[in-house]
């Protein structure tokens, strides 16, 4: 029993560290928004309104992301495989409408 206690403490510390990182990464996303990572090679993080998810053009991007990554997104968040410029153009159009 004395041998398991140190490993349990280390596991608890690891879980607390992971929770702290998770909270820190998500604290800058306002309510009603989602963080996405965009780019073909170098990925950049964008925060967009959740309402964009309903737009057909944005859903096309989500379908491409599903085809390429499934549910295994390498950045730990939703990763969209498109050029950054194309994403900015699309989100600018969605914000204008």
PDB file of N, CA and C in Angstrom:
ATOM      1  N   UNK A   1       0.825  -1.185   0.000  1.00  0.00           N
ATOM      2  CA  UNK A   1       0.000   0.000   0.000  1.00  0.00           C
ATOM      3  C   UNK A   1       0.868   1.247   0.000  1.00  0.00           C
ATOM      4  N   UNK A   2       1.998   1.201   0.739  1.00  0.00           N
ATOM      5  CA  UNK A   2       2.897   2.332   0.779  1.00  0.00           C
ATOM      6  C   UNK A   2       3.554   2.590  -0.572  1.00  0.00           C
ATOM      7  N   UNK A   3       3.668   1.582  -1.395  1.00  0.00           N
ATOM      8  CA  UNK A   3       4.289   1.720  -2.704  1.00  0.00           C
ATOM      9  C   UNK A   3       3.339   2.426  -3.687  1.00  0.00           C
ATOM     10  N   UNK A   4       2.037   2.242  -3.536  1.00  0.00           N
ATOM     11  CA  UNK A   4       1.082   2.814  -4.475  1.00  0.00           C
ATOM     12  C   UNK A   4       0.828   4.290  -4.215  1.00  0.00           C
ATOM     13  N   UNK A   5       1.016   4.738  -2.988  1.00  0.00           N
ATOM     14  CA  UNK A   5       0.721   6.121  -2.647  1.00  0.00           C
ATOM     15  C   UNK A   5       1.528   7.123  -3.478  1.00  0.00           C
ATOM     16  N   UNK A   6       2.831   6.952  -3.632  1.00  0.00           N
ATOM     17  CA  UNK A   6       3.574   7.912  -4.458  1.00  0.00           C
ATOM     18  C   UNK A   6       3.072   7.951  -5.902  1.00  0.00           C
ATOM     19  N   UNK A   7       2.741   6.785  -6.474  1.00  0.00           N
ATOM     20  CA  UNK A   7       2.254   6.787  -7.853  1.00  0.00           C
ATOM     21  C   UNK A   7       0.880   7.457  -7.948  1.00  0.00           C
ATOM     22  N   UNK A   8       0.054   7.301  -6.915  1.00  0.00           N
ATOM     23  CA  UNK A   8      -1.251   7.959  -6.911  1.00  0.00           C
ATOM     24  C   UNK A   8      -1.082   9.470  -6.804  1.00  0.00           C
ATOM     25  N   UNK A   9      -0.123   9.915  -6.001  1.00  0.00           N
ATOM     26  CA  UNK A   9       0.144  11.347  -5.866  1.00  0.00           C
ATOM     27  C   UNK A   9       0.646  11.905  -7.190  1.00  0.00           C
ATOM     28  N   UNK A  10       1.551  11.192  -7.839  1.00  0.00           N
ATOM     29  CA  UNK A  10       2.051  11.637  -9.137  1.00  0.00           C
ATOM     30  C   UNK A  10       0.928  11.691 -10.168  1.00  0.00           C
ATOM     31  N   UNK A  11       0.040  10.717 -10.157  1.00  0.00           N
ATOM     32  CA  UNK A  11      -1.092  10.718 -11.087  1.00  0.00           C
ATOM     33  C   UNK A  11      -2.008  11.901 -10.819  1.00  0.00           C
ATOM     34  N   UNK A  12      -2.267  12.188  -9.561  1.00  0.00           N
ATOM     35  CA  UNK A  12      -3.120  13.323  -9.211  1.00  0.00           C
ATOM     36  C   UNK A  12      -2.477  14.632  -9.649  1.00  0.00           C
ATOM     37  N   UNK A  13      -1.152  14.762  -9.442  1.00  0.00           N
ATOM     38  CA  UNK A  13      -0.458  15.974  -9.882  1.00  0.00           C
ATOM     39  C   UNK A  13      -0.536  16.123 -11.393  1.00  0.00           C
ATOM     40  N   UNK A  14      -0.398  15.012 -12.099  1.00  0.00           N
ATOM     41  CA  UNK A  14      -0.486  15.041 -13.567  1.00  0.00           C
ATOM     42  C   UNK A  14      -1.878  15.478 -14.015  1.00  0.00           C
ATOM     43  N   UNK A  15      -2.916  14.951 -13.378  1.00  0.00           N
ATOM     44  CA  UNK A  15      -4.288  15.331 -13.719  1.00  0.00           C
ATOM     45  C   UNK A  15      -4.544  16.806 -13.437  1.00  0.00           C
ATOM     46  N   UNK A  16      -4.036  17.311 -12.314  1.00  0.00           N
ATOM     47  CA  UNK A  16      -4.199  18.725 -11.997  1.00  0.00           C
ATOM     48  C   UNK A  16      -3.478  19.608 -13.014  1.00  0.00           C
ATOM     49  N   UNK A  17      -2.303  19.172 -13.439  1.00  0.00           N
ATOM     50  CA  UNK A  17      -1.546  19.934 -14.425  1.00  0.00           C
ATOM     51  C   UNK A  17      -2.303  19.967 -15.751  1.00  0.00           C
ATOM     52  N   UNK A  18      -2.858  18.825 -16.178  1.00  0.00           N
ATOM     53  CA  UNK A  18      -3.636  18.764 -17.415  1.00  0.00           C
ATOM     54  C   UNK A  18      -4.874  19.655 -17.321  1.00  0.00           C
ATOM     55  N   UNK A  19      -5.552  19.631 -16.187  1.00  0.00           N
ATOM     56  CA  UNK A  19      -6.740  20.461 -16.005  1.00  0.00           C
ATOM     57  C   UNK A  19      -6.367  21.938 -16.067  1.00  0.00           C
ATOM     58  N   UNK A  20      -5.245  22.287 -15.464  1.00  0.00           N
ATOM     59  CA  UNK A  20      -4.791  23.670 -15.480  1.00  0.00           C
ATOM     60  C   UNK A  20      -4.490  24.126 -16.904  1.00  0.00           C
ATOM     61  N   UNK A  21      -3.829  23.289 -17.683  1.00  0.00           N
ATOM     62  CA  UNK A  21      -3.540  23.624 -19.081  1.00  0.00           C
ATOM     63  C   UNK A  21      -4.828  23.753 -19.879  1.00  0.00           C
ATOM     64  N   UNK A  22      -5.769  22.854 -19.654  1.00  0.00           N
ATOM     65  CA  UNK A  22      -7.054  22.886 -20.355  1.00  0.00           C
ATOM     66  C   UNK A  22      -7.802  24.178 -20.039  1.00  0.00           C
ATOM     67  N   UNK A  23      -7.866  24.550 -18.791  1.00  0.00           N
ATOM     68  CA  UNK A  23      -8.575  25.769 -18.388  1.00  0.00           C
ATOM     69  C   UNK A  23      -7.893  27.005 -18.958  1.00  0.00           C
ATOM     70  N   UNK A  24      -6.573  27.016 -18.958  1.00  0.00           N
ATOM     71  CA  UNK A  24      -5.836  28.167 -19.481  1.00  0.00           C
ATOM     72  C   UNK A  24      -6.062  28.312 -20.983  1.00  0.00           C
ATOM     73  N   UNK A  25      -6.082  27.206 -21.726  1.00  0.00           N
ATOM     74  CA  UNK A  25      -6.259  27.253 -23.171  1.00  0.00           C
ATOM     75  C   UNK A  25      -7.664  27.682 -23.565  1.00  0.00           C
ATOM     76  N   UNK A  26      -8.657  27.439 -22.738  1.00  0.00           N
ATOM     77  CA  UNK A  26     -10.034  27.723 -23.106  1.00  0.00           C
ATOM     78  C   UNK A  26     -10.583  28.974 -22.442  1.00  0.00           C
ATOM     79  N   UNK A  27      -9.797  29.625 -21.611  1.00  0.00           N
ATOM     80  CA  UNK A  27     -10.298  30.790 -20.896  1.00  0.00           C
ATOM     81  C   UNK A  27     -10.442  32.010 -21.795  1.00  0.00           C
ATOM     82  N   UNK A  28      -9.765  32.034 -22.931  1.00  0.00           N
ATOM     83  CA  UNK A  28      -9.834  33.190 -23.801  1.00  0.00           C
ATOM     84  C   UNK A  28     -10.872  33.045 -24.921  1.00  0.00           C
ATOM     85  N   UNK A  29     -11.686  32.004 -24.865  1.00  0.00           N
ATOM     86  CA  UNK A  29     -12.760  31.818 -25.844  1.00  0.00           C
ATOM     87  C   UNK A  29     -14.056  32.308 -25.210  1.00  0.00           C
ATOM     88  N   UNK A  30     -14.602  33.422 -25.732  1.00  0.00           N
ATOM     89  CA  UNK A  30     -15.827  33.946 -25.121  1.00  0.00           C
ATOM     90  C   UNK A  30     -17.019  33.011 -25.331  1.00  0.00           C
ATOM     91  N   UNK A  31     -17.986  33.159 -24.485  1.00  0.00           N
ATOM     92  CA  UNK A  31     -19.204  32.365 -24.586  1.00  0.00           C
ATOM     93  C   UNK A  31     -19.839  32.601 -25.960  1.00  0.00           C
ATOM     94  N   UNK A  32     -20.317  31.533 -26.582  1.00  0.00           N
ATOM     95  CA  UNK A  32     -20.933  31.642 -27.898  1.00  0.00           C
ATOM     96  C   UNK A  32     -19.939  31.595 -29.045  1.00  0.00           C
ATOM     97  N   UNK A  33     -18.683  31.257 -28.751  1.00  0.00           N
ATOM     98  CA  UNK A  33     -17.640  31.176 -29.763  1.00  0.00           C
ATOM     99  C   UNK A  33     -16.927  29.827 -29.662  1.00  0.00           C
ATOM    100  N   UNK A  34     -16.157  29.528 -30.686  1.00  0.00           N
ATOM    101  CA  UNK A  34     -15.373  28.291 -30.704  1.00  0.00           C
ATOM    102  C   UNK A  34     -13.994  28.602 -31.290  1.00  0.00           C
ATOM    103  N   UNK A  35     -12.984  27.938 -30.775  1.00  0.00           N
ATOM    104  CA  UNK A  35     -11.629  28.099 -31.318  1.00  0.00           C
ATOM    105  C   UNK A  35     -11.410  27.030 -32.378  1.00  0.00           C
ATOM    106  N   UNK A  36     -10.851  27.443 -33.505  1.00  0.00           N
ATOM    107  CA  UNK A  36     -10.509  26.509 -34.577  1.00  0.00           C
ATOM    108  C   UNK A  36      -9.072  26.788 -35.013  1.00  0.00           C
ATOM    109  N   UNK A  37      -8.430  25.769 -35.518  1.00  0.00           N
ATOM    110  CA  UNK A  37      -7.076  25.891 -36.041  1.00  0.00           C
ATOM    111  C   UNK A  37      -7.147  25.741 -37.547  1.00  0.00           C
ATOM    112  N   UNK A  38      -6.573  26.712 -38.261  1.00  0.00           N
ATOM    113  CA  UNK A  38      -6.717  26.776 -39.711  1.00  0.00           C
ATOM    114  C   UNK A  38      -5.341  26.824 -40.354  1.00  0.00           C
ATOM    115  N   UNK A  39      -5.214  26.096 -41.449  1.00  0.00           N
ATOM    116  CA  UNK A  39      -3.983  26.120 -42.231  1.00  0.00           C
ATOM    117  C   UNK A  39      -3.689  24.745 -42.780  1.00  0.00           C
ATOM    118  N   UNK A  40      -2.928  24.736 -43.850  1.00  0.00           N
ATOM    119  CA  UNK A  40      -2.587  23.459 -44.463  1.00  0.00           C
ATOM    120  C   UNK A  40      -1.323  22.856 -43.846  1.00  0.00           C
ATOM    121  N   UNK A  41      -0.346  23.697 -43.555  1.00  0.00           N
ATOM    122  CA  UNK A  41       0.892  23.214 -42.936  1.00  0.00           C
ATOM    123  C   UNK A  41       1.065  23.874 -41.573  1.00  0.00           C
ATOM    124  N   UNK A  42       1.239  25.175 -41.568  1.00  0.00           N
ATOM    125  CA  UNK A  42       1.327  25.956 -40.326  1.00  0.00           C
ATOM    126  C   UNK A  42      -0.094  26.314 -39.911  1.00  0.00           C
ATOM    127  N   UNK A  43      -0.502  25.957 -38.715  1.00  0.00           N
ATOM    128  CA  UNK A  43      -1.872  26.210 -38.275  1.00  0.00           C
ATOM    129  C   UNK A  43      -1.941  27.439 -37.383  1.00  0.00           C
ATOM    130  N   UNK A  44      -2.978  28.251 -37.608  1.00  0.00           N
ATOM    131  CA  UNK A  44      -3.192  29.447 -36.805  1.00  0.00           C
ATOM    132  C   UNK A  44      -4.543  29.316 -36.110  1.00  0.00           C
ATOM    133  N   UNK A  45      -4.613  29.787 -34.899  1.00  0.00           N
ATOM    134  CA  UNK A  45      -5.839  29.681 -34.096  1.00  0.00           C
ATOM    135  C   UNK A  45      -6.732  30.889 -34.344  1.00  0.00           C
ATOM    136  N   UNK A  46      -8.028  30.616 -34.596  1.00  0.00           N
ATOM    137  CA  UNK A  46      -9.037  31.647 -34.763  1.00  0.00           C
ATOM    138  C   UNK A  46     -10.181  31.357 -33.805  1.00  0.00           C
ATOM    139  N   UNK A  47     -10.827  32.399 -33.324  1.00  0.00           N
ATOM    140  CA  UNK A  47     -12.021  32.252 -32.492  1.00  0.00           C
ATOM    141  C   UNK A  47     -13.180  32.831 -33.296  1.00  0.00           C
ATOM    142  N   UNK A  48     -14.178  31.981 -33.575  1.00  0.00           N
ATOM    143  CA  UNK A  48     -15.307  32.395 -34.412  1.00  0.00           C
ATOM    144  C   UNK A  48     -16.616  32.156 -33.667  1.00  0.00           C
ATOM    145  N   UNK A  49     -17.667  32.904 -34.030  1.00  0.00           N
ATOM    146  CA  UNK A  49     -18.974  32.682 -33.406  1.00  0.00           C
ATOM    147  C   UNK A  49     -19.534  31.303 -33.761  1.00  0.00           C
ATOM    148  N   UNK A  50     -20.217  30.697 -32.831  1.00  0.00           N
ATOM    149  CA  UNK A  50     -20.824  29.386 -33.063  1.00  0.00           C
ATOM    150  C   UNK A  50     -21.848  29.454 -34.200  1.00  0.00           C
ATOM    151  N   UNK A  51     -22.455  30.614 -34.403  1.00  0.00           N
ATOM    152  CA  UNK A  51     -23.454  30.749 -35.464  1.00  0.00           C
ATOM    153  C   UNK A  51     -22.880  30.432 -36.839  1.00  0.00           C
ATOM    154  N   UNK A  52     -21.565  30.573 -37.012  1.00  0.00           N
ATOM    155  CA  UNK A  52     -20.935  30.246 -38.295  1.00  0.00           C
ATOM    156  C   UNK A  52     -21.108  28.765 -38.635  1.00  0.00           C
ATOM    157  N   UNK A  53     -21.241  27.920 -37.618  1.00  0.00           N
ATOM    158  CA  UNK A  53     -21.344  26.475 -37.850  1.00  0.00           C
ATOM    159  C   UNK A  53     -22.582  26.098 -38.654  1.00  0.00           C
ATOM    160  N   UNK A  54     -23.600  26.960 -38.658  1.00  0.00           N
ATOM    161  CA  UNK A  54     -24.830  26.673 -39.395  1.00  0.00           C
ATOM    162  C   UNK A  54     -24.764  27.090 -40.858  1.00  0.00           C
ATOM    163  N   UNK A  55     -23.799  27.875 -41.233  1.00  0.00           N
ATOM    164  CA  UNK A  55     -23.713  28.382 -42.607  1.00  0.00           C
ATOM    165  C   UNK A  55     -23.196  27.277 -43.539  1.00  0.00           C
ATOM    166  N   UNK A  56     -23.839  27.106 -44.709  1.00  0.00           N
ATOM    167  CA  UNK A  56     -23.426  26.031 -45.633  1.00  0.00           C
ATOM    168  C   UNK A  56     -21.947  26.088 -46.039  1.00  0.00           C
ATOM    169  N   UNK A  57     -21.398  27.267 -46.244  1.00  0.00           N
ATOM    170  CA  UNK A  57     -19.983  27.364 -46.634  1.00  0.00           C
ATOM    171  C   UNK A  57     -19.068  26.890 -45.506  1.00  0.00           C
ATOM    172  N   UNK A  58     -19.430  27.220 -44.279  1.00  0.00           N
ATOM    173  CA  UNK A  58     -18.630  26.781 -43.139  1.00  0.00           C
ATOM    174  C   UNK A  58     -18.792  25.275 -42.947  1.00  0.00           C
ATOM    175  N   UNK A  59     -19.985  24.762 -43.205  1.00  0.00           N
ATOM    176  CA  UNK A  59     -20.212  23.325 -43.085  1.00  0.00           C
ATOM    177  C   UNK A  59     -19.387  22.547 -44.103  1.00  0.00           C
ATOM    178  N   UNK A  60     -19.146  23.148 -45.283  1.00  0.00           N
ATOM    179  CA  UNK A  60     -18.255  22.510 -46.258  1.00  0.00           C
ATOM    180  C   UNK A  60     -16.859  22.343 -45.673  1.00  0.00           C
ATOM    181  N   UNK A  61     -16.382  23.379 -44.975  1.00  0.00           N
ATOM    182  CA  UNK A  61     -15.067  23.286 -44.331  1.00  0.00           C
ATOM    183  C   UNK A  61     -15.063  22.203 -43.255  1.00  0.00           C
ATOM    184  N   UNK A  62     -16.155  22.124 -42.503  1.00  0.00           N
ATOM    185  CA  UNK A  62     -16.245  21.098 -41.456  1.00  0.00           C
ATOM    186  C   UNK A  62     -16.245  19.699 -42.062  1.00  0.00           C
ATOM    187  N   UNK A  63     -16.903  19.534 -43.203  1.00  0.00           N
ATOM    188  CA  UNK A  63     -16.905  18.232 -43.880  1.00  0.00           C
ATOM    189  C   UNK A  63     -15.503  17.869 -44.354  1.00  0.00           C
ATOM    190  N   UNK A  64     -14.759  18.855 -44.864  1.00  0.00           N
ATOM    191  CA  UNK A  64     -13.382  18.592 -45.280  1.00  0.00           C
ATOM    192  C   UNK A  64     -12.528  18.193 -44.080  1.00  0.00           C
ATOM    193  N   UNK A  65     -12.764  18.865 -42.949  1.00  0.00           N
ATOM    194  CA  UNK A  65     -12.021  18.529 -41.729  1.00  0.00           C
ATOM    195  C   UNK A  65     -12.338  17.099 -41.287  1.00  0.00           C
ATOM    196  N   UNK A  66     -13.595  16.721 -41.387  1.00  0.00           N
ATOM    197  CA  UNK A  66     -13.998  15.361 -41.007  1.00  0.00           C
ATOM    198  C   UNK A  66     -13.342  14.331 -41.923  1.00  0.00           C
ATOM    199  N   UNK A  67     -13.321  14.626 -43.224  1.00  0.00           N
ATOM    200  CA  UNK A  67     -12.711  13.692 -44.175  1.00  0.00           C
ATOM    201  C   UNK A  67     -11.222  13.513 -43.914  1.00  0.00           C
ATOM    202  N   UNK A  68     -10.538  14.612 -43.573  1.00  0.00           N
ATOM    203  CA  UNK A  68      -9.090  14.538 -43.387  1.00  0.00           C
ATOM    204  C   UNK A  68      -8.694  14.019 -42.014  1.00  0.00           C
ATOM    205  N   UNK A  69      -9.371  14.476 -40.966  1.00  0.00           N
ATOM    206  CA  UNK A  69      -8.943  14.150 -39.611  1.00  0.00           C
ATOM    207  C   UNK A  69      -9.880  13.225 -38.852  1.00  0.00           C
ATOM    208  N   UNK A  70     -11.118  13.081 -39.288  1.00  0.00           N
ATOM    209  CA  UNK A  70     -12.085  12.328 -38.495  1.00  0.00           C
ATOM    210  C   UNK A  70     -12.272  13.041 -37.172  1.00  0.00           C
ATOM    211  N   UNK A  71     -12.127  12.313 -36.085  1.00  0.00           N
ATOM    212  CA  UNK A  71     -12.239  12.935 -34.774  1.00  0.00           C
ATOM    213  C   UNK A  71     -10.882  13.044 -34.092  1.00  0.00           C
ATOM    214  N   UNK A  72      -9.822  12.823 -34.834  1.00  0.00           N
ATOM    215  CA  UNK A  72      -8.466  12.900 -34.290  1.00  0.00           C
ATOM    216  C   UNK A  72      -7.805  14.165 -34.812  1.00  0.00           C
ATOM    217  N   UNK A  73      -8.041  15.274 -34.160  1.00  0.00           N
ATOM    218  CA  UNK A  73      -7.487  16.552 -34.586  1.00  0.00           C
ATOM    219  C   UNK A  73      -6.132  16.762 -33.920  1.00  0.00           C
ATOM    220  N   UNK A  74      -5.082  16.958 -34.721  1.00  0.00           N
ATOM    221  CA  UNK A  74      -3.727  17.004 -34.175  1.00  0.00           C
ATOM    222  C   UNK A  74      -3.459  18.173 -33.240  1.00  0.00           C
ATOM    223  N   UNK A  75      -4.215  19.247 -33.341  1.00  0.00           N
ATOM    224  CA  UNK A  75      -3.972  20.412 -32.491  1.00  0.00           C
ATOM    225  C   UNK A  75      -4.735  20.317 -31.172  1.00  0.00           C
ATOM    226  N   UNK A  76      -5.529  19.277 -31.010  1.00  0.00           N
ATOM    227  CA  UNK A  76      -6.307  19.137 -29.791  1.00  0.00           C
ATOM    228  C   UNK A  76      -7.630  19.879 -29.858  1.00  0.00           C
ATOM    229  N   UNK A  77      -7.874  20.566 -30.918  1.00  0.00           N
ATOM    230  CA  UNK A  77      -9.126  21.284 -31.146  1.00  0.00           C
ATOM    231  C   UNK A  77      -9.536  21.082 -32.578  1.00  0.00           C
ATOM    232  N   UNK A  78     -10.600  21.693 -32.973  1.00  0.00           N
ATOM    233  CA  UNK A  78     -11.103  21.555 -34.332  1.00  0.00           C
ATOM    234  C   UNK A  78     -10.089  22.142 -35.305  1.00  0.00           C
ATOM    235  N   UNK A  79      -9.586  21.309 -36.202  1.00  0.00           N
ATOM    236  CA  UNK A  79      -8.593  21.723 -37.183  1.00  0.00           C
ATOM    237  C   UNK A  79      -9.228  21.715 -38.560  1.00  0.00           C
ATOM    238  N   UNK A  80      -9.138  22.847 -39.256  1.00  0.00           N
ATOM    239  CA  UNK A  80      -9.750  22.981 -40.579  1.00  0.00           C
ATOM    240  C   UNK A  80      -8.634  23.071 -41.616  1.00  0.00           C
ATOM    241  N   UNK A  81      -8.584  22.094 -42.545  1.00  0.00           N
ATOM    242  CA  UNK A  81      -7.508  22.059 -43.533  1.00  0.00           C
ATOM    243  C   UNK A  81      -7.816  22.934 -44.753  1.00  0.00           C
ATOM    244  N   UNK A  82      -7.591  24.216 -44.627  1.00  0.00           N
ATOM    245  CA  UNK A  82      -7.747  25.115 -45.777  1.00  0.00           C
ATOM    246  C   UNK A  82      -6.741  26.244 -45.628  1.00  0.00           C
ATOM    247  N   UNK A  83      -6.577  26.996 -46.692  1.00  0.00           N
ATOM    248  CA  UNK A  83      -5.637  28.113 -46.635  1.00  0.00           C
ATOM    249  C   UNK A  83      -6.186  29.183 -45.706  1.00  0.00           C
ATOM    250  N   UNK A  84      -5.280  29.788 -44.965  1.00  0.00           N
ATOM    251  CA  UNK A  84      -5.660  30.818 -44.001  1.00  0.00           C
ATOM    252  C   UNK A  84      -6.383  31.981 -44.679  1.00  0.00           C
ATOM    253  N   UNK A  85      -5.897  32.398 -45.853  1.00  0.00           N
ATOM    254  CA  UNK A  85      -6.524  33.499 -46.587  1.00  0.00           C
ATOM    255  C   UNK A  85      -7.969  33.179 -46.966  1.00  0.00           C
ATOM    256  N   UNK A  86      -8.215  31.942 -47.411  1.00  0.00           N
ATOM    257  CA  UNK A  86      -9.572  31.533 -47.784  1.00  0.00           C
ATOM    258  C   UNK A  86     -10.492  31.538 -46.568  1.00  0.00           C
ATOM    259  N   UNK A  87      -9.967  31.109 -45.416  1.00  0.00           N
ATOM    260  CA  UNK A  87     -10.758  31.103 -44.194  1.00  0.00           C
ATOM    261  C   UNK A  87     -11.103  32.524 -43.764  1.00  0.00           C
ATOM    262  N   UNK A  88     -10.135  33.418 -43.846  1.00  0.00           N
ATOM    263  CA  UNK A  88     -10.375  34.813 -43.472  1.00  0.00           C
ATOM    264  C   UNK A  88     -11.407  35.444 -44.402  1.00  0.00           C
ATOM    265  N   UNK A  89     -11.306  35.157 -45.706  1.00  0.00           N
ATOM    266  CA  UNK A  89     -12.295  35.678 -46.664  1.00  0.00           C
ATOM    267  C   UNK A  89     -13.699  35.182 -46.313  1.00  0.00           C
ATOM    268  N   UNK A  90     -13.820  33.892 -46.029  1.00  0.00           N
ATOM    269  CA  UNK A  90     -15.121  33.306 -45.707  1.00  0.00           C
ATOM    270  C   UNK A  90     -15.697  33.918 -44.431  1.00  0.00           C
ATOM    271  N   UNK A  91     -14.893  34.001 -43.388  1.00  0.00           N
ATOM    272  CA  UNK A  91     -15.416  34.531 -42.124  1.00  0.00           C
ATOM    273  C   UNK A  91     -15.737  36.008 -42.242  1.00  0.00           C
ATOM    274  N   UNK A  92     -15.012  36.739 -43.067  1.00  0.00           N
ATOM    275  CA  UNK A  92     -15.328  38.151 -43.296  1.00  0.00           C
ATOM    276  C   UNK A  92     -16.687  38.298 -43.972  1.00  0.00           C
ATOM    277  N   UNK A  93     -16.950  37.433 -44.943  1.00  0.00           N
ATOM    278  CA  UNK A  93     -18.250  37.441 -45.634  1.00  0.00           C
ATOM    279  C   UNK A  93     -19.375  37.076 -44.667  1.00  0.00           C
ATOM    280  N   UNK A  94     -19.126  36.097 -43.798  1.00  0.00           N
ATOM    281  CA  UNK A  94     -20.155  35.674 -42.846  1.00  0.00           C
ATOM    282  C   UNK A  94     -20.440  36.774 -41.822  1.00  0.00           C
ATOM    283  N   UNK A  95     -19.429  37.500 -41.420  1.00  0.00           N
ATOM    284  CA  UNK A  95     -19.626  38.582 -40.455  1.00  0.00           C
ATOM    285  C   UNK A  95     -20.382  39.737 -41.082  1.00  0.00           C
ATOM    286  N   UNK A  96     -20.173  39.958 -42.370  1.00  0.00           N
ATOM    287  CA  UNK A  96     -20.835  41.066 -43.066  1.00  0.00           C
ATOM    288  C   UNK A  96     -22.319  40.794 -43.280  1.00  0.00           C
ATOM    289  N   UNK A  97     -22.687  39.522 -43.336  1.00  0.00           N
ATOM    290  CA  UNK A  97     -24.116  39.202 -43.602  1.00  0.00           C
ATOM    291  C   UNK A  97     -24.908  39.016 -42.338  1.00  0.00           C
TER     292      UNK A  97
END
